[in-house]
Structure formats: structure tokens, C-alpha cells
N, C-alpha and C. Protein backbone atom coordinates (compact mmCIF):
# COMPACT_ATOMS: atom_id res chain seq x y z
N MET A 1 -14.71 1.33 -21.92
CA MET A 1 -15.41 1.90 -20.78
C MET A 1 -14.46 2.14 -19.62
N LEU A 2 -14.48 1.30 -18.59
CA LEU A 2 -13.60 1.50 -17.44
C LEU A 2 -12.19 1.02 -17.79
N THR A 3 -11.19 1.77 -17.36
CA THR A 3 -9.81 1.39 -17.71
C THR A 3 -8.89 1.21 -16.51
N ASP A 4 -9.07 1.94 -15.45
CA ASP A 4 -8.20 1.87 -14.28
C ASP A 4 -8.97 2.23 -13.03
N ILE A 5 -8.37 1.90 -11.91
CA ILE A 5 -8.87 2.38 -10.63
C ILE A 5 -7.67 2.89 -9.84
N ASN A 6 -7.80 4.05 -9.25
CA ASN A 6 -6.73 4.66 -8.48
C ASN A 6 -7.29 5.04 -7.11
N PRO A 7 -7.00 4.22 -6.10
CA PRO A 7 -7.55 4.51 -4.77
C PRO A 7 -7.03 5.83 -4.22
N LYS A 8 -7.88 6.46 -3.42
CA LYS A 8 -7.52 7.68 -2.71
C LYS A 8 -7.56 7.37 -1.23
N LEU A 9 -6.41 7.57 -0.57
CA LEU A 9 -6.28 7.25 0.84
C LEU A 9 -5.93 8.50 1.64
N PRO A 10 -6.35 8.55 2.90
CA PRO A 10 -6.00 9.70 3.73
C PRO A 10 -4.56 9.64 4.23
N MET A 11 -3.98 10.81 4.42
CA MET A 11 -2.64 10.90 5.02
C MET A 11 -2.64 12.08 5.99
N ARG A 12 -1.97 11.92 7.11
CA ARG A 12 -1.84 13.01 8.07
C ARG A 12 -0.61 13.85 7.79
N ASP A 13 0.47 13.21 7.31
CA ASP A 13 1.76 13.87 7.17
C ASP A 13 2.37 13.42 5.85
N LYS A 14 2.44 14.34 4.90
CA LYS A 14 2.94 13.99 3.57
C LYS A 14 4.39 13.49 3.61
N ILE A 15 5.21 14.06 4.45
CA ILE A 15 6.61 13.64 4.53
C ILE A 15 6.70 12.18 4.99
N ALA A 16 5.92 11.81 6.00
CA ALA A 16 5.91 10.42 6.48
C ALA A 16 5.36 9.48 5.42
N THR A 17 4.33 9.92 4.70
CA THR A 17 3.75 9.10 3.64
C THR A 17 4.77 8.87 2.53
N LYS A 18 5.44 9.92 2.10
CA LYS A 18 6.47 9.78 1.06
C LYS A 18 7.59 8.85 1.52
N LYS A 19 8.06 9.06 2.74
CA LYS A 19 9.16 8.24 3.26
C LYS A 19 8.78 6.76 3.23
N PHE A 20 7.57 6.45 3.64
CA PHE A 20 7.13 5.06 3.68
C PHE A 20 6.99 4.47 2.27
N TYR A 21 6.20 5.14 1.42
CA TYR A 21 5.90 4.58 0.11
C TYR A 21 7.09 4.65 -0.85
N ILE A 22 7.85 5.71 -0.81
CA ILE A 22 8.97 5.86 -1.75
C ILE A 22 10.21 5.13 -1.23
N ASP A 23 10.58 5.35 0.02
CA ASP A 23 11.80 4.75 0.55
C ASP A 23 11.64 3.26 0.88
N LYS A 24 10.50 2.88 1.45
CA LYS A 24 10.32 1.49 1.89
C LYS A 24 9.66 0.61 0.84
N LEU A 25 8.59 1.12 0.20
CA LEU A 25 7.85 0.29 -0.76
C LEU A 25 8.32 0.48 -2.20
N GLU A 26 9.22 1.43 -2.41
CA GLU A 26 9.85 1.68 -3.71
C GLU A 26 8.87 2.19 -4.78
N PHE A 27 7.89 2.98 -4.36
CA PHE A 27 7.05 3.70 -5.31
C PHE A 27 7.81 4.94 -5.76
N SER A 28 7.34 5.59 -6.80
CA SER A 28 7.93 6.85 -7.21
C SER A 28 6.83 7.92 -7.19
N GLU A 29 7.25 9.14 -6.99
CA GLU A 29 6.31 10.26 -6.94
C GLU A 29 5.94 10.68 -8.36
N ILE A 30 4.64 10.80 -8.58
CA ILE A 30 4.14 11.33 -9.85
C ILE A 30 4.02 12.84 -9.74
N SER A 31 3.35 13.28 -8.67
CA SER A 31 3.20 14.71 -8.45
C SER A 31 2.79 15.00 -7.01
N ASP A 32 3.00 16.23 -6.63
CA ASP A 32 2.73 16.70 -5.29
C ASP A 32 2.03 18.05 -5.43
N TYR A 33 0.74 18.07 -5.09
CA TYR A 33 -0.06 19.29 -5.23
C TYR A 33 -0.45 19.85 -3.87
N GLY A 34 0.50 20.19 -3.06
CA GLY A 34 0.19 20.78 -1.76
C GLY A 34 -0.38 19.75 -0.81
N ASP A 35 -1.71 19.64 -0.75
CA ASP A 35 -2.34 18.69 0.16
C ASP A 35 -2.77 17.40 -0.56
N TYR A 36 -2.21 17.15 -1.73
CA TYR A 36 -2.56 15.98 -2.53
C TYR A 36 -1.27 15.38 -3.11
N LEU A 37 -1.12 14.07 -3.00
CA LEU A 37 0.09 13.38 -3.44
C LEU A 37 -0.29 12.20 -4.33
N LEU A 38 0.44 12.02 -5.42
CA LEU A 38 0.23 10.88 -6.32
C LEU A 38 1.53 10.10 -6.44
N ILE A 39 1.42 8.78 -6.27
CA ILE A 39 2.60 7.91 -6.39
C ILE A 39 2.27 6.75 -7.32
N ARG A 40 3.34 6.09 -7.81
CA ARG A 40 3.14 4.97 -8.73
C ARG A 40 4.27 3.96 -8.56
N LYS A 41 3.90 2.70 -8.76
CA LYS A 41 4.86 1.61 -8.89
C LYS A 41 4.28 0.63 -9.90
N ASP A 42 5.04 0.38 -10.96
CA ASP A 42 4.57 -0.47 -12.05
C ASP A 42 3.24 0.10 -12.57
N ASN A 43 2.16 -0.69 -12.54
CA ASN A 43 0.87 -0.21 -13.03
C ASN A 43 -0.08 0.24 -11.92
N VAL A 44 0.44 0.38 -10.71
CA VAL A 44 -0.38 0.76 -9.57
C VAL A 44 -0.14 2.22 -9.24
N GLU A 45 -1.21 2.97 -9.17
CA GLU A 45 -1.15 4.39 -8.81
C GLU A 45 -2.06 4.61 -7.60
N ILE A 46 -1.53 5.29 -6.58
CA ILE A 46 -2.30 5.61 -5.38
C ILE A 46 -2.27 7.11 -5.18
N HIS A 47 -3.43 7.67 -4.84
CA HIS A 47 -3.56 9.09 -4.55
C HIS A 47 -3.77 9.24 -3.05
N PHE A 48 -3.20 10.29 -2.47
CA PHE A 48 -3.37 10.59 -1.06
C PHE A 48 -3.88 12.00 -0.90
N PHE A 49 -4.82 12.17 0.01
CA PHE A 49 -5.32 13.50 0.34
C PHE A 49 -5.00 13.79 1.80
N GLU A 50 -4.67 15.04 2.07
CA GLU A 50 -4.32 15.43 3.43
C GLU A 50 -5.54 15.38 4.33
N PHE A 51 -5.37 14.75 5.49
CA PHE A 51 -6.43 14.65 6.49
C PHE A 51 -5.73 14.71 7.85
N LYS A 52 -5.34 15.93 8.24
CA LYS A 52 -4.54 16.13 9.45
C LYS A 52 -5.22 15.65 10.73
N ASP A 53 -6.55 15.67 10.76
CA ASP A 53 -7.29 15.26 11.96
C ASP A 53 -7.61 13.77 11.99
N LEU A 54 -7.07 13.02 11.05
CA LEU A 54 -7.33 11.58 11.00
C LEU A 54 -6.83 10.90 12.28
N ASP A 55 -7.68 10.10 12.86
CA ASP A 55 -7.28 9.26 13.98
C ASP A 55 -6.96 7.89 13.39
N PRO A 56 -5.68 7.50 13.35
CA PRO A 56 -5.31 6.23 12.72
C PRO A 56 -6.06 5.03 13.27
N LYS A 57 -6.45 5.08 14.54
CA LYS A 57 -7.19 3.97 15.14
C LYS A 57 -8.60 3.86 14.56
N GLU A 58 -9.06 4.91 13.91
CA GLU A 58 -10.40 4.90 13.31
C GLU A 58 -10.35 4.92 11.79
N ASN A 59 -9.18 4.68 11.22
CA ASN A 59 -9.03 4.69 9.77
C ASN A 59 -9.25 3.27 9.23
N PHE A 60 -10.19 3.16 8.30
CA PHE A 60 -10.49 1.86 7.70
C PHE A 60 -10.13 1.83 6.22
N GLY A 61 -9.20 2.70 5.80
CA GLY A 61 -8.74 2.71 4.42
C GLY A 61 -8.07 1.39 4.08
N GLN A 62 -8.45 0.81 2.94
CA GLN A 62 -7.89 -0.48 2.53
C GLN A 62 -7.73 -0.52 1.03
N VAL A 63 -6.65 -1.19 0.59
CA VAL A 63 -6.42 -1.40 -0.83
C VAL A 63 -5.92 -2.82 -1.01
N TYR A 64 -6.43 -3.50 -2.03
CA TYR A 64 -5.94 -4.83 -2.39
C TYR A 64 -5.15 -4.67 -3.68
N ILE A 65 -3.87 -5.03 -3.64
CA ILE A 65 -2.98 -4.85 -4.79
C ILE A 65 -2.54 -6.23 -5.28
N ARG A 66 -2.81 -6.51 -6.53
CA ARG A 66 -2.41 -7.80 -7.11
C ARG A 66 -0.98 -7.72 -7.64
N THR A 67 -0.30 -8.84 -7.54
CA THR A 67 1.07 -8.94 -8.01
C THR A 67 1.25 -10.27 -8.75
N ASN A 68 2.30 -10.37 -9.56
CA ASN A 68 2.57 -11.62 -10.25
C ASN A 68 3.81 -12.33 -9.68
N ASP A 69 4.37 -11.78 -8.57
CA ASP A 69 5.50 -12.43 -7.91
C ASP A 69 5.47 -12.09 -6.42
N ILE A 70 4.51 -12.67 -5.73
CA ILE A 70 4.26 -12.34 -4.32
C ILE A 70 5.45 -12.69 -3.44
N ASP A 71 6.12 -13.79 -3.72
CA ASP A 71 7.25 -14.19 -2.88
C ASP A 71 8.41 -13.20 -2.99
N LYS A 72 8.70 -12.75 -4.19
CA LYS A 72 9.78 -11.77 -4.38
C LYS A 72 9.41 -10.44 -3.73
N LEU A 73 8.16 -10.00 -3.88
CA LEU A 73 7.72 -8.75 -3.26
C LEU A 73 7.82 -8.83 -1.75
N TYR A 74 7.37 -9.93 -1.19
CA TYR A 74 7.43 -10.13 0.26
C TYR A 74 8.89 -10.06 0.74
N GLN A 75 9.79 -10.72 0.01
CA GLN A 75 11.21 -10.71 0.39
C GLN A 75 11.81 -9.31 0.28
N THR A 76 11.46 -8.59 -0.79
CA THR A 76 11.96 -7.22 -0.96
C THR A 76 11.51 -6.33 0.19
N LEU A 77 10.24 -6.42 0.56
CA LEU A 77 9.75 -5.59 1.66
C LEU A 77 10.39 -6.00 2.98
N SER A 78 10.59 -7.29 3.17
CA SER A 78 11.29 -7.76 4.38
C SER A 78 12.71 -7.21 4.41
N ASP A 79 13.39 -7.25 3.26
CA ASP A 79 14.75 -6.70 3.18
C ASP A 79 14.78 -5.21 3.47
N ASN A 80 13.69 -4.50 3.11
CA ASN A 80 13.58 -3.06 3.36
C ASN A 80 13.07 -2.75 4.76
N LYS A 81 12.97 -3.78 5.60
CA LYS A 81 12.54 -3.63 7.00
C LYS A 81 11.13 -3.07 7.13
N VAL A 82 10.25 -3.44 6.20
CA VAL A 82 8.84 -3.03 6.28
C VAL A 82 8.13 -3.99 7.23
N SER A 83 7.41 -3.43 8.19
CA SER A 83 6.69 -4.27 9.15
C SER A 83 5.45 -4.87 8.50
N ILE A 84 5.35 -6.17 8.58
CA ILE A 84 4.18 -6.88 8.08
C ILE A 84 3.13 -6.88 9.19
N HIS A 85 1.87 -6.75 8.82
CA HIS A 85 0.78 -6.76 9.79
C HIS A 85 0.86 -8.06 10.60
N PRO A 86 0.68 -7.99 11.92
CA PRO A 86 0.78 -9.21 12.75
C PRO A 86 -0.15 -10.34 12.28
N ASN A 87 -1.29 -9.99 11.71
CA ASN A 87 -2.23 -11.00 11.22
C ASN A 87 -2.14 -11.15 9.71
N GLY A 88 -1.08 -10.62 9.09
CA GLY A 88 -1.03 -10.58 7.64
C GLY A 88 0.22 -11.16 7.02
N HIS A 89 0.86 -12.12 7.69
CA HIS A 89 2.06 -12.71 7.11
C HIS A 89 1.71 -13.51 5.86
N LEU A 90 2.69 -13.70 5.02
CA LEU A 90 2.50 -14.38 3.75
C LEU A 90 1.97 -15.79 3.95
N GLU A 91 0.83 -16.06 3.31
CA GLU A 91 0.25 -17.40 3.37
C GLU A 91 -0.74 -17.60 2.22
N THR A 92 -0.99 -18.85 1.93
CA THR A 92 -1.97 -19.19 0.90
C THR A 92 -3.33 -19.29 1.57
N LYS A 93 -4.29 -18.56 1.02
CA LYS A 93 -5.63 -18.50 1.59
C LYS A 93 -6.55 -19.55 0.93
N PRO A 94 -7.61 -19.93 1.61
CA PRO A 94 -8.53 -20.94 1.05
C PRO A 94 -9.22 -20.48 -0.23
N TRP A 95 -9.25 -19.17 -0.48
CA TRP A 95 -9.93 -18.66 -1.67
C TRP A 95 -9.01 -18.58 -2.88
N GLY A 96 -7.84 -19.24 -2.81
CA GLY A 96 -6.97 -19.35 -3.96
C GLY A 96 -6.02 -18.19 -4.18
N GLN A 97 -5.75 -17.43 -3.13
CA GLN A 97 -4.81 -16.31 -3.21
C GLN A 97 -3.67 -16.54 -2.23
N ARG A 98 -2.49 -16.14 -2.62
CA ARG A 98 -1.34 -16.09 -1.71
C ARG A 98 -1.21 -14.61 -1.35
N GLU A 99 -1.27 -14.29 -0.05
CA GLU A 99 -1.41 -12.90 0.38
C GLU A 99 -0.54 -12.57 1.58
N PHE A 100 -0.29 -11.26 1.72
CA PHE A 100 0.23 -10.69 2.95
C PHE A 100 -0.28 -9.26 3.05
N ALA A 101 -0.19 -8.68 4.24
CA ALA A 101 -0.73 -7.33 4.44
C ALA A 101 0.18 -6.52 5.36
N LEU A 102 0.07 -5.20 5.22
CA LEU A 102 0.81 -4.29 6.08
C LEU A 102 0.01 -3.01 6.25
N LEU A 103 0.41 -2.23 7.23
CA LEU A 103 -0.23 -0.94 7.51
C LEU A 103 0.75 0.18 7.18
N ASP A 104 0.24 1.24 6.56
CA ASP A 104 1.09 2.41 6.32
C ASP A 104 1.07 3.29 7.58
N PRO A 105 1.76 4.42 7.58
CA PRO A 105 1.82 5.26 8.79
C PRO A 105 0.47 5.77 9.28
N ASP A 106 -0.55 5.75 8.42
CA ASP A 106 -1.88 6.22 8.83
C ASP A 106 -2.86 5.09 9.04
N ASN A 107 -2.36 3.87 9.11
CA ASN A 107 -3.16 2.66 9.29
C ASN A 107 -4.03 2.32 8.09
N ASN A 108 -3.65 2.78 6.90
CA ASN A 108 -4.29 2.28 5.69
C ASN A 108 -3.77 0.86 5.50
N LEU A 109 -4.67 -0.10 5.32
CA LEU A 109 -4.28 -1.50 5.16
C LEU A 109 -3.99 -1.79 3.69
N LEU A 110 -2.78 -2.26 3.41
CA LEU A 110 -2.39 -2.66 2.06
C LEU A 110 -2.26 -4.17 2.06
N THR A 111 -3.11 -4.84 1.28
CA THR A 111 -3.02 -6.28 1.12
C THR A 111 -2.51 -6.57 -0.27
N PHE A 112 -1.50 -7.41 -0.36
CA PHE A 112 -0.91 -7.81 -1.64
C PHE A 112 -1.29 -9.26 -1.88
N GLY A 113 -1.71 -9.56 -3.10
CA GLY A 113 -2.12 -10.93 -3.39
C GLY A 113 -1.79 -11.39 -4.79
N GLN A 114 -1.64 -12.70 -4.90
CA GLN A 114 -1.38 -13.35 -6.18
C GLN A 114 -2.27 -14.58 -6.27
N THR A 115 -2.94 -14.74 -7.42
CA THR A 115 -3.76 -15.93 -7.64
C THR A 115 -2.87 -17.15 -7.76
N ILE A 116 -3.24 -18.21 -7.06
CA ILE A 116 -2.51 -19.47 -7.11
C ILE A 116 -3.21 -20.37 -8.12
N GLN A 117 -2.43 -20.90 -9.04
CA GLN A 117 -3.00 -21.78 -10.08
C GLN A 117 -3.19 -23.18 -9.58
């Protein structure tokens, strides 16, 4: 039945979106269809649609991405000078997840998490 989920997030500027996701987060481009962009890293695929009138202060786009090595991912992003959300630094949550979060150029919230055994 269901096999995957691929979130669709708004973007105002495709060049800025590519620079952030490809250069900083180390995703790769799958395809670019004018006002639509597809990227991938490992088994995660994200789609972006152009929304030039998006007000980032009113954007509530969010994605929760699971990982199996949260500490290494956090270190890699820190090494790549990716800004971590002020309220989203790496920590173990009471619900059994180790998480951190960041905002992309359009204020889409990306939360990364790993289940703690």
C-alpha cells in the first residue's frame, strides 16, 4: 500500500533553496522543472514549489526527518556553518528522541531526530 512520503515545501527563490540544501545540507538535485524542484539525500526526498509571494514570517512548513546518527549529522551541519534554530539545539527529549532543528531560507522548519534506546 503506502511506500513513501515526500513533503512539498514552498520556496521563494530556487537559487537560494538549492544553495542551502545542496551546498549546506549536502542534498543532491533530482530534477528542476522551472517552478518545481526535487532534491534527495539518502532515502529522503523533498519537493519544493515556487511561491514568490510567501511571507517567511507566516510560513508554517515543517518536516520531521529521522536519522540513525544524529550526533554525526549535527556535527556535519555545524562544520558546514548551518545555523541551528535558537530553540532547536541538539538534546534528548522526554519522548525518547534526540533532536535538533533548523530553518531553511523560507522558514520551513526541519527537525532531525533519532530514537534513543
